[in-house]
Amino acid sequence: MKIDIERLKLCREKLGISKQAASKRIGLSQPAYLRYESGERNPSPQMLKEIARALHTSVDYLVGTTDDPSPNAFEVRRDEDEELFLVVERAVNFDQMQKKRLLKYTEKIANNNHSE
């Protein structure tokens, strides 16, 4: 799969981060990242997944099979955000009604944060 370099740049810029910061998030050297963003090299499928995760988008968006830049998966690590990890761990077995209630509650919290 060939990465769309314009979309790669757009995702990085949308996050407001430098090329150096993007390379660090992905776990690459800056020269390696620059080769992807310039189109000099194409990432492997595994590296493409890492890039999408780090830039909060999807592989499908980066390769041009969808125009929706939203990620289609999130990774929540206990060692990086224990509270969120525990919420997801508990919610994974919720029934549909419980999931809807949790979503409404999180939307309410998010809206309260934006109004402060």
N, C-alpha and C. Protein backbone atom coordinates (compact mmCIF):
# COMPACT_ATOMS: atom_id res chain seq x y z
N MET A 1 0.84 -1.19 0.00
CA MET A 1 0.00 0.00 0.00
C MET A 1 0.88 1.24 0.00
N LYS A 2 0.49 2.19 -0.79
CA LYS A 2 1.26 3.43 -0.90
C LYS A 2 0.60 4.51 -0.05
N ILE A 3 1.41 5.16 0.76
CA ILE A 3 0.91 6.22 1.65
C ILE A 3 0.71 7.51 0.86
N ASP A 4 -0.36 8.22 1.16
CA ASP A 4 -0.64 9.53 0.56
C ASP A 4 0.12 10.57 1.39
N ILE A 5 1.20 11.11 0.83
CA ILE A 5 2.07 12.00 1.61
C ILE A 5 1.36 13.30 2.01
N GLU A 6 0.42 13.75 1.21
CA GLU A 6 -0.32 14.97 1.58
C GLU A 6 -1.18 14.71 2.82
N ARG A 7 -1.79 13.54 2.88
CA ARG A 7 -2.60 13.20 4.04
C ARG A 7 -1.72 12.99 5.28
N LEU A 8 -0.56 12.42 5.08
CA LEU A 8 0.38 12.23 6.18
C LEU A 8 0.76 13.59 6.77
N LYS A 9 1.10 14.53 5.91
CA LYS A 9 1.46 15.89 6.36
C LYS A 9 0.27 16.55 7.06
N LEU A 10 -0.91 16.40 6.47
CA LEU A 10 -2.11 17.02 7.03
C LEU A 10 -2.40 16.50 8.44
N CYS A 11 -2.27 15.21 8.64
CA CYS A 11 -2.50 14.63 9.97
C CYS A 11 -1.51 15.17 10.99
N ARG A 12 -0.25 15.26 10.59
CA ARG A 12 0.77 15.80 11.49
C ARG A 12 0.47 17.26 11.82
N GLU A 13 0.15 18.04 10.81
CA GLU A 13 -0.14 19.45 11.02
C GLU A 13 -1.40 19.67 11.85
N LYS A 14 -2.40 18.81 11.65
CA LYS A 14 -3.64 18.91 12.43
C LYS A 14 -3.36 18.74 13.92
N LEU A 15 -2.38 17.91 14.26
CA LEU A 15 -1.99 17.74 15.65
C LEU A 15 -1.10 18.88 16.14
N GLY A 16 -0.63 19.71 15.20
CA GLY A 16 0.22 20.84 15.56
C GLY A 16 1.61 20.41 16.02
N ILE A 17 2.12 19.35 15.42
CA ILE A 17 3.44 18.86 15.83
C ILE A 17 4.43 18.95 14.68
N SER A 18 5.69 19.03 15.04
CA SER A 18 6.77 19.10 14.05
C SER A 18 7.05 17.70 13.49
N LYS A 19 7.86 17.68 12.44
CA LYS A 19 8.28 16.40 11.87
C LYS A 19 9.09 15.61 12.92
N GLN A 20 9.89 16.33 13.68
CA GLN A 20 10.69 15.69 14.72
C GLN A 20 9.78 15.06 15.78
N ALA A 21 8.74 15.80 16.21
CA ALA A 21 7.82 15.27 17.21
C ALA A 21 7.05 14.07 16.65
N ALA A 22 6.68 14.13 15.38
CA ALA A 22 5.98 12.99 14.76
C ALA A 22 6.87 11.76 14.75
N SER A 23 8.13 11.95 14.38
CA SER A 23 9.04 10.80 14.33
C SER A 23 9.20 10.19 15.72
N LYS A 24 9.25 11.04 16.74
CA LYS A 24 9.39 10.56 18.11
C LYS A 24 8.15 9.77 18.55
N ARG A 25 6.96 10.29 18.23
CA ARG A 25 5.70 9.60 18.57
C ARG A 25 5.63 8.22 17.94
N ILE A 26 6.14 8.13 16.72
CA ILE A 26 6.06 6.88 15.97
C ILE A 26 7.16 5.91 16.40
N GLY A 27 8.24 6.47 16.91
CA GLY A 27 9.38 5.64 17.31
C GLY A 27 10.38 5.45 16.19
N LEU A 28 10.49 6.47 15.35
CA LEU A 28 11.40 6.44 14.21
C LEU A 28 12.47 7.51 14.38
N SER A 29 13.56 7.36 13.66
CA SER A 29 14.51 8.47 13.58
C SER A 29 13.88 9.54 12.70
N GLN A 30 14.31 10.76 12.89
CA GLN A 30 13.75 11.84 12.07
C GLN A 30 14.03 11.62 10.58
N PRO A 31 15.24 11.20 10.19
CA PRO A 31 15.48 10.95 8.76
C PRO A 31 14.55 9.88 8.18
N ALA A 32 14.26 8.84 8.97
CA ALA A 32 13.35 7.79 8.48
C ALA A 32 11.96 8.36 8.25
N TYR A 33 11.47 9.16 9.21
CA TYR A 33 10.15 9.76 9.04
C TYR A 33 10.13 10.69 7.83
N LEU A 34 11.18 11.48 7.68
CA LEU A 34 11.25 12.43 6.56
C LEU A 34 11.19 11.71 5.21
N ARG A 35 11.74 10.51 5.13
CA ARG A 35 11.66 9.74 3.88
C ARG A 35 10.22 9.35 3.56
N TYR A 36 9.42 9.06 4.61
CA TYR A 36 8.01 8.75 4.38
C TYR A 36 7.25 10.00 3.95
N GLU A 37 7.47 11.10 4.65
CA GLU A 37 6.70 12.32 4.36
C GLU A 37 7.10 12.93 3.01
N SER A 38 8.31 12.68 2.56
CA SER A 38 8.73 13.21 1.25
C SER A 38 8.31 12.28 0.11
N GLY A 39 7.88 11.06 0.44
CA GLY A 39 7.50 10.10 -0.58
C GLY A 39 8.68 9.29 -1.10
N GLU A 40 9.84 9.48 -0.49
CA GLU A 40 11.04 8.75 -0.91
C GLU A 40 10.92 7.26 -0.61
N ARG A 41 10.23 6.93 0.50
CA ARG A 41 10.02 5.54 0.88
C ARG A 41 8.57 5.33 1.27
N ASN A 42 8.14 4.09 1.19
CA ASN A 42 6.80 3.72 1.61
C ASN A 42 6.91 2.83 2.85
N PRO A 43 6.12 3.10 3.88
CA PRO A 43 6.21 2.28 5.09
C PRO A 43 5.66 0.87 4.88
N SER A 44 6.17 -0.05 5.68
CA SER A 44 5.63 -1.42 5.68
C SER A 44 4.22 -1.37 6.26
N PRO A 45 3.43 -2.42 6.07
CA PRO A 45 2.09 -2.43 6.67
C PRO A 45 2.11 -2.22 8.19
N GLN A 46 3.06 -2.84 8.87
CA GLN A 46 3.14 -2.66 10.33
C GLN A 46 3.50 -1.22 10.69
N MET A 47 4.44 -0.62 9.96
CA MET A 47 4.83 0.76 10.23
C MET A 47 3.67 1.71 9.91
N LEU A 48 2.91 1.39 8.88
CA LEU A 48 1.74 2.19 8.53
C LEU A 48 0.74 2.22 9.69
N LYS A 49 0.56 1.08 10.35
CA LYS A 49 -0.33 1.02 11.52
C LYS A 49 0.20 1.90 12.64
N GLU A 50 1.51 1.87 12.85
CA GLU A 50 2.13 2.69 13.90
C GLU A 50 1.97 4.18 13.60
N ILE A 51 2.15 4.54 12.35
CA ILE A 51 2.00 5.94 11.95
C ILE A 51 0.56 6.39 12.17
N ALA A 52 -0.40 5.59 11.74
CA ALA A 52 -1.81 5.93 11.91
C ALA A 52 -2.16 6.09 13.39
N ARG A 53 -1.69 5.17 14.21
CA ARG A 53 -1.95 5.25 15.66
C ARG A 53 -1.37 6.53 16.24
N ALA A 54 -0.13 6.82 15.91
CA ALA A 54 0.56 7.99 16.48
C ALA A 54 -0.05 9.31 16.02
N LEU A 55 -0.61 9.33 14.81
CA LEU A 55 -1.18 10.56 14.27
C LEU A 55 -2.71 10.62 14.39
N HIS A 56 -3.27 9.70 15.16
CA HIS A 56 -4.71 9.68 15.47
C HIS A 56 -5.57 9.64 14.21
N THR A 57 -5.25 8.72 13.33
CA THR A 57 -6.03 8.53 12.12
C THR A 57 -6.10 7.04 11.82
N SER A 58 -6.50 6.68 10.62
CA SER A 58 -6.58 5.26 10.24
C SER A 58 -5.65 4.99 9.06
N VAL A 59 -5.27 3.74 8.92
CA VAL A 59 -4.47 3.32 7.77
C VAL A 59 -5.25 3.61 6.49
N ASP A 60 -6.55 3.32 6.51
CA ASP A 60 -7.38 3.56 5.32
C ASP A 60 -7.32 5.01 4.87
N TYR A 61 -7.32 5.94 5.80
CA TYR A 61 -7.23 7.35 5.44
C TYR A 61 -5.85 7.65 4.85
N LEU A 62 -4.81 7.14 5.47
CA LEU A 62 -3.45 7.44 5.00
C LEU A 62 -3.15 6.87 3.61
N VAL A 63 -3.84 5.79 3.23
CA VAL A 63 -3.60 5.23 1.90
C VAL A 63 -4.68 5.64 0.89
N GLY A 64 -5.66 6.43 1.34
CA GLY A 64 -6.64 6.99 0.42
C GLY A 64 -7.84 6.14 0.11
N THR A 65 -8.10 5.11 0.92
CA THR A 65 -9.30 4.29 0.65
C THR A 65 -10.54 4.84 1.34
N THR A 66 -10.37 5.85 2.19
CA THR A 66 -11.50 6.56 2.79
C THR A 66 -11.12 8.03 2.94
N ASP A 67 -12.12 8.87 2.94
CA ASP A 67 -11.88 10.30 3.16
C ASP A 67 -12.13 10.70 4.61
N ASP A 68 -12.47 9.74 5.43
CA ASP A 68 -12.72 9.99 6.85
C ASP A 68 -11.41 9.84 7.62
N PRO A 69 -10.90 10.93 8.17
CA PRO A 69 -9.61 10.86 8.88
C PRO A 69 -9.71 10.30 10.30
N SER A 70 -10.91 10.00 10.76
CA SER A 70 -11.08 9.50 12.12
C SER A 70 -10.39 8.16 12.30
N PRO A 71 -9.79 7.95 13.45
CA PRO A 71 -9.19 6.63 13.69
C PRO A 71 -10.27 5.57 13.80
N ASN A 72 -9.95 4.33 13.45
CA ASN A 72 -10.93 3.26 13.59
C ASN A 72 -10.54 2.32 14.72
N ALA A 73 -9.52 2.71 15.49
CA ALA A 73 -9.11 1.94 16.67
C ALA A 73 -8.30 2.85 17.58
N PHE A 74 -8.33 2.54 18.86
CA PHE A 74 -7.52 3.24 19.85
C PHE A 74 -6.81 2.20 20.68
N GLU A 75 -5.63 2.55 21.12
CA GLU A 75 -4.89 1.69 22.03
C GLU A 75 -4.82 2.43 23.37
N VAL A 76 -5.31 1.78 24.41
CA VAL A 76 -5.25 2.36 25.74
C VAL A 76 -4.36 1.46 26.58
N ARG A 77 -3.24 2.03 27.01
CA ARG A 77 -2.28 1.25 27.77
C ARG A 77 -2.37 1.60 29.25
N ARG A 78 -2.42 0.58 30.08
CA ARG A 78 -2.52 0.79 31.53
C ARG A 78 -1.37 1.64 32.05
N ASP A 79 -0.17 1.41 31.53
CA ASP A 79 0.99 2.15 32.02
C ASP A 79 1.02 3.61 31.56
N GLU A 80 0.20 3.96 30.59
CA GLU A 80 0.15 5.34 30.10
C GLU A 80 -1.06 6.12 30.62
N ASP A 81 -2.17 5.43 30.86
CA ASP A 81 -3.38 6.10 31.34
C ASP A 81 -4.24 5.07 32.09
N GLU A 82 -3.89 4.84 33.34
CA GLU A 82 -4.53 3.77 34.10
C GLU A 82 -6.04 3.97 34.26
N GLU A 83 -6.47 5.21 34.51
CA GLU A 83 -7.90 5.46 34.72
C GLU A 83 -8.71 5.12 33.47
N LEU A 84 -8.24 5.60 32.31
CA LEU A 84 -8.97 5.31 31.08
C LEU A 84 -8.94 3.81 30.78
N PHE A 85 -7.82 3.19 31.02
CA PHE A 85 -7.70 1.74 30.82
C PHE A 85 -8.76 1.01 31.65
N LEU A 86 -8.91 1.40 32.92
CA LEU A 86 -9.87 0.73 33.80
C LEU A 86 -11.31 0.97 33.35
N VAL A 87 -11.60 2.16 32.83
CA VAL A 87 -12.94 2.43 32.30
C VAL A 87 -13.23 1.49 31.13
N VAL A 88 -12.29 1.41 30.21
CA VAL A 88 -12.49 0.55 29.04
C VAL A 88 -12.58 -0.91 29.45
N GLU A 89 -11.72 -1.33 30.37
CA GLU A 89 -11.72 -2.72 30.83
C GLU A 89 -13.08 -3.09 31.42
N ARG A 90 -13.66 -2.19 32.20
CA ARG A 90 -14.96 -2.47 32.80
C ARG A 90 -16.09 -2.40 31.79
N ALA A 91 -15.97 -1.50 30.84
CA ALA A 91 -17.05 -1.27 29.88
C ALA A 91 -17.09 -2.29 28.74
N VAL A 92 -16.02 -3.02 28.55
CA VAL A 92 -15.94 -3.92 27.40
C VAL A 92 -17.06 -4.96 27.39
N ASN A 93 -17.57 -5.33 28.53
CA ASN A 93 -18.64 -6.33 28.59
C ASN A 93 -20.02 -5.73 28.85
N PHE A 94 -20.14 -4.43 28.77
CA PHE A 94 -21.45 -3.78 28.94
C PHE A 94 -22.40 -4.22 27.84
N ASP A 95 -23.69 -4.23 28.17
CA ASP A 95 -24.68 -4.45 27.12
C ASP A 95 -24.89 -3.12 26.39
N GLN A 96 -25.69 -3.13 25.34
CA GLN A 96 -25.87 -1.95 24.50
C GLN A 96 -26.43 -0.76 25.28
N MET A 97 -27.36 -1.00 26.18
CA MET A 97 -27.96 0.08 26.97
C MET A 97 -26.91 0.72 27.87
N GLN A 98 -26.09 -0.09 28.51
CA GLN A 98 -25.04 0.44 29.38
C GLN A 98 -24.03 1.26 28.58
N LYS A 99 -23.71 0.80 27.40
CA LYS A 99 -22.77 1.54 26.55
C LYS A 99 -23.35 2.89 26.15
N LYS A 100 -24.63 2.92 25.83
CA LYS A 100 -25.29 4.19 25.48
C LYS A 100 -25.29 5.15 26.66
N ARG A 101 -25.54 4.64 27.85
CA ARG A 101 -25.53 5.48 29.05
C ARG A 101 -24.13 6.02 29.31
N LEU A 102 -23.12 5.18 29.15
CA LEU A 102 -21.74 5.62 29.35
C LEU A 102 -21.37 6.69 28.32
N LEU A 103 -21.78 6.51 27.09
CA LEU A 103 -21.50 7.49 26.05
C LEU A 103 -22.15 8.83 26.37
N LYS A 104 -23.42 8.81 26.78
CA LYS A 104 -24.10 10.05 27.15
C LYS A 104 -23.39 10.76 28.30
N TYR A 105 -22.95 9.98 29.28
CA TYR A 105 -22.26 10.55 30.42
C TYR A 105 -20.93 11.16 30.00
N THR A 106 -20.18 10.48 29.15
CA THR A 106 -18.89 11.04 28.72
C THR A 106 -19.10 12.29 27.87
N GLU A 107 -20.16 12.32 27.08
CA GLU A 107 -20.45 13.52 26.29
C GLU A 107 -20.79 14.68 27.21
N LYS A 108 -21.53 14.41 28.27
CA LYS A 108 -21.89 15.45 29.25
C LYS A 108 -20.63 15.99 29.91
N ILE A 109 -19.72 15.11 30.30
CA ILE A 109 -18.46 15.54 30.93
C ILE A 109 -17.64 16.36 29.93
N ALA A 110 -17.56 15.91 28.70
CA ALA A 110 -16.78 16.62 27.68
C ALA A 110 -17.36 18.00 27.42
N ASN A 111 -18.67 18.11 27.37
CA ASN A 111 -19.31 19.40 27.15
C ASN A 111 -19.07 20.35 28.32
N ASN A 112 -19.07 19.83 29.54
CA ASN A 112 -18.79 20.65 30.70
C ASN A 112 -17.36 21.16 30.68
N ASN A 113 -16.43 20.36 30.21
CA ASN A 113 -15.02 20.78 30.12
C ASN A 113 -14.83 21.89 29.11
N HIS A 114 -15.59 21.85 28.01
CA HIS A 114 -15.45 22.86 26.97
C HIS A 114 -16.07 24.20 27.36
N SER A 115 -17.02 24.17 28.27
CA SER A 115 -17.70 25.42 28.65
C SER A 115 -16.99 26.16 29.77
N GLU A 116 -15.99 25.52 30.38
CA GLU A 116 -15.27 26.16 31.49
C GLU A 116 -14.21 27.10 31.00
